């Protein structure tokens, strides 16, 4: 199981629930550089920041089922 990679303030350490594909150039046709892993809280912060900056939302996919 992957852990959240957020290092803002302190290392998060929660189980990652989202996987983000980071590409060079135009995505999804650009070369895949790496995958980043985020918990729900940090994935939402990243998405909100990109909306605020008027940047295309990150390409993320859920890797853990949402709690019922």
N, C-alpha and C. Protein backbone atom coordinates (compact mmCIF):
# COMPACT_ATOMS: atom_id res chain seq x y z
N UNK A 1 0.84 -1.17 0.00
CA UNK A 1 0.00 0.00 0.00
C UNK A 1 0.90 1.24 0.00
N UNK A 2 0.60 2.18 -0.87
CA UNK A 2 1.36 3.42 -0.98
C UNK A 2 0.91 4.41 0.10
N UNK A 3 1.81 5.32 0.47
CA UNK A 3 1.49 6.38 1.41
C UNK A 3 1.40 7.71 0.69
N UNK A 4 0.62 8.63 1.25
CA UNK A 4 0.49 9.97 0.69
C UNK A 4 1.86 10.64 0.68
N UNK A 5 2.17 11.31 -0.42
CA UNK A 5 3.49 11.92 -0.59
C UNK A 5 3.55 13.39 -0.20
N UNK A 6 2.50 13.91 0.42
CA UNK A 6 2.49 15.33 0.78
C UNK A 6 3.56 15.61 1.84
N UNK A 7 4.31 16.67 1.60
CA UNK A 7 5.34 17.06 2.55
C UNK A 7 5.15 18.52 2.96
N UNK A 8 3.93 19.03 2.80
CA UNK A 8 3.63 20.40 3.18
C UNK A 8 3.45 20.44 4.70
N UNK A 9 4.27 21.21 5.37
CA UNK A 9 4.22 21.28 6.83
C UNK A 9 4.93 20.10 7.45
N UNK A 10 4.42 18.92 7.26
CA UNK A 10 5.05 17.69 7.74
C UNK A 10 4.66 16.57 6.79
N UNK A 11 5.32 15.44 6.89
CA UNK A 11 4.97 14.30 6.05
C UNK A 11 3.61 13.79 6.47
N UNK A 12 2.72 13.58 5.50
CA UNK A 12 1.34 13.18 5.78
C UNK A 12 1.28 11.79 6.42
N UNK A 13 1.75 10.79 5.73
CA UNK A 13 1.77 9.44 6.28
C UNK A 13 0.47 8.66 6.18
N UNK A 14 -0.60 9.26 5.64
CA UNK A 14 -1.86 8.52 5.48
C UNK A 14 -1.76 7.59 4.28
N UNK A 15 -2.61 6.58 4.25
CA UNK A 15 -2.67 5.69 3.11
C UNK A 15 -3.15 6.45 1.89
N UNK A 16 -2.46 6.27 0.77
CA UNK A 16 -2.83 6.95 -0.47
C UNK A 16 -4.10 6.33 -1.04
N UNK A 17 -4.99 7.21 -1.51
CA UNK A 17 -6.22 6.75 -2.13
C UNK A 17 -6.32 7.21 -3.58
N UNK A 18 -5.40 8.07 -4.02
CA UNK A 18 -5.37 8.58 -5.38
C UNK A 18 -3.97 8.44 -5.97
N UNK A 19 -3.94 8.17 -7.27
CA UNK A 19 -2.68 8.05 -8.01
C UNK A 19 -2.71 9.08 -9.13
N UNK A 20 -1.71 9.97 -9.17
CA UNK A 20 -1.65 11.03 -10.17
C UNK A 20 -0.55 10.71 -11.17
N UNK A 21 -0.88 10.77 -12.45
CA UNK A 21 0.10 10.58 -13.52
C UNK A 21 0.71 11.94 -13.85
N UNK A 22 2.03 12.04 -13.77
CA UNK A 22 2.73 13.28 -14.08
C UNK A 22 3.48 13.08 -15.39
N UNK A 23 3.12 13.89 -16.39
CA UNK A 23 3.68 13.76 -17.74
C UNK A 23 4.56 14.95 -18.10
N UNK A 24 5.49 14.73 -19.01
CA UNK A 24 6.26 15.82 -19.61
C UNK A 24 5.54 16.21 -20.89
N UNK A 25 5.38 17.50 -21.11
CA UNK A 25 4.72 17.94 -22.33
C UNK A 25 3.22 17.79 -22.25
N UNK A 26 2.59 17.64 -23.41
CA UNK A 26 1.13 17.54 -23.47
C UNK A 26 0.67 16.19 -22.95
N UNK A 27 -0.24 16.23 -21.99
CA UNK A 27 -0.75 14.97 -21.51
C UNK A 27 -2.00 14.62 -22.26
N UNK A 28 -2.42 13.45 -22.43
CA UNK A 28 -1.73 12.23 -22.00
C UNK A 28 -0.71 11.73 -23.01
N UNK A 29 -0.44 12.53 -24.06
CA UNK A 29 0.50 12.07 -25.08
C UNK A 29 1.96 12.29 -24.69
N UNK A 30 2.19 13.13 -23.68
CA UNK A 30 3.56 13.37 -23.23
C UNK A 30 4.13 12.16 -22.52
N UNK A 31 5.42 12.13 -22.40
CA UNK A 31 6.10 11.01 -21.74
C UNK A 31 5.76 11.00 -20.26
N UNK A 32 5.40 9.83 -19.73
CA UNK A 32 5.09 9.67 -18.31
C UNK A 32 6.39 9.80 -17.52
N UNK A 33 6.42 10.76 -16.60
CA UNK A 33 7.61 10.94 -15.77
C UNK A 33 7.56 10.08 -14.51
N UNK A 34 6.44 10.15 -13.80
CA UNK A 34 6.29 9.36 -12.58
C UNK A 34 4.83 9.39 -12.13
N UNK A 35 4.53 8.59 -11.12
CA UNK A 35 3.21 8.62 -10.48
C UNK A 35 3.39 9.21 -9.09
N UNK A 36 2.46 10.06 -8.69
CA UNK A 36 2.43 10.62 -7.34
C UNK A 36 1.21 10.05 -6.63
N UNK A 37 1.32 9.83 -5.34
CA UNK A 37 0.24 9.22 -4.57
C UNK A 37 -0.23 10.18 -3.49
N UNK A 38 -1.57 10.32 -3.35
CA UNK A 38 -2.17 11.30 -2.44
C UNK A 38 -3.32 10.70 -1.66
N UNK A 39 -3.52 11.18 -0.43
CA UNK A 39 -4.71 10.83 0.34
C UNK A 39 -5.86 11.71 -0.16
N UNK A 40 -7.07 11.44 0.28
CA UNK A 40 -8.23 12.23 -0.16
C UNK A 40 -8.05 13.71 0.12
N UNK A 41 -7.58 14.04 1.31
CA UNK A 41 -7.43 15.44 1.72
C UNK A 41 -6.46 16.19 0.81
N UNK A 42 -5.31 15.63 0.55
CA UNK A 42 -4.32 16.32 -0.27
C UNK A 42 -4.68 16.31 -1.76
N UNK A 43 -5.34 15.28 -2.23
CA UNK A 43 -5.80 15.25 -3.63
C UNK A 43 -6.80 16.39 -3.86
N UNK A 44 -7.68 16.61 -2.89
CA UNK A 44 -8.66 17.70 -3.01
C UNK A 44 -7.95 19.06 -2.99
N UNK A 45 -6.95 19.22 -2.14
CA UNK A 45 -6.20 20.48 -2.08
C UNK A 45 -5.50 20.77 -3.41
N UNK A 46 -4.92 19.75 -4.01
CA UNK A 46 -4.23 19.91 -5.30
C UNK A 46 -5.23 20.31 -6.37
N UNK A 47 -6.38 19.65 -6.40
CA UNK A 47 -7.41 19.95 -7.40
C UNK A 47 -7.92 21.38 -7.22
N UNK A 48 -8.20 21.80 -5.98
CA UNK A 48 -8.68 23.15 -5.72
C UNK A 48 -7.64 24.20 -6.11
N UNK A 49 -6.37 23.94 -5.81
CA UNK A 49 -5.30 24.89 -6.15
C UNK A 49 -5.21 25.07 -7.66
N UNK A 50 -5.30 23.98 -8.40
CA UNK A 50 -5.22 24.07 -9.87
C UNK A 50 -6.43 24.81 -10.44
N UNK A 51 -7.62 24.63 -9.84
CA UNK A 51 -8.80 25.39 -10.28
C UNK A 51 -8.60 26.88 -10.02
N UNK A 52 -8.08 27.20 -8.84
CA UNK A 52 -7.84 28.59 -8.46
C UNK A 52 -6.83 29.24 -9.41
N UNK A 53 -5.81 28.50 -9.81
CA UNK A 53 -4.77 29.01 -10.71
C UNK A 53 -5.19 28.92 -12.18
N UNK A 54 -6.42 28.41 -12.42
CA UNK A 54 -6.96 28.24 -13.77
C UNK A 54 -6.06 27.36 -14.65
N UNK A 55 -5.62 26.27 -14.06
CA UNK A 55 -4.79 25.28 -14.74
C UNK A 55 -5.63 24.02 -14.92
N UNK A 56 -5.34 23.24 -15.93
CA UNK A 56 -6.06 22.00 -16.18
C UNK A 56 -5.96 21.10 -14.94
N UNK A 57 -7.07 20.51 -14.50
CA UNK A 57 -7.03 19.64 -13.32
C UNK A 57 -6.05 18.49 -13.51
N UNK A 58 -5.48 18.00 -12.41
CA UNK A 58 -4.53 16.89 -12.51
C UNK A 58 -5.22 15.61 -12.98
N UNK A 59 -4.47 14.73 -13.62
CA UNK A 59 -4.98 13.43 -14.03
C UNK A 59 -4.78 12.47 -12.87
N UNK A 60 -5.88 12.18 -12.17
CA UNK A 60 -5.81 11.29 -11.01
C UNK A 60 -6.83 10.18 -11.17
N UNK A 61 -6.50 9.04 -10.58
CA UNK A 61 -7.48 7.96 -10.52
C UNK A 61 -7.49 7.38 -9.12
N UNK A 62 -8.68 7.01 -8.67
CA UNK A 62 -8.82 6.46 -7.32
C UNK A 62 -8.24 5.04 -7.32
N UNK A 63 -7.41 4.76 -6.32
CA UNK A 63 -6.80 3.44 -6.21
C UNK A 63 -7.36 2.64 -5.04
N UNK A 64 -8.13 3.31 -4.17
CA UNK A 64 -8.77 2.66 -3.03
C UNK A 64 -10.24 3.03 -3.06
N UNK A 65 -11.09 2.08 -2.81
CA UNK A 65 -12.54 2.34 -2.80
C UNK A 65 -12.89 3.37 -1.73
N UNK A 66 -13.83 4.24 -2.08
CA UNK A 66 -14.31 5.24 -1.11
C UNK A 66 -15.06 4.53 0.00
N UNK A 67 -14.89 5.00 1.26
CA UNK A 67 -15.62 4.38 2.36
C UNK A 67 -17.12 4.58 2.22
N UNK A 68 -17.88 3.58 2.61
CA UNK A 68 -19.35 3.64 2.47
C UNK A 68 -19.98 4.37 3.63
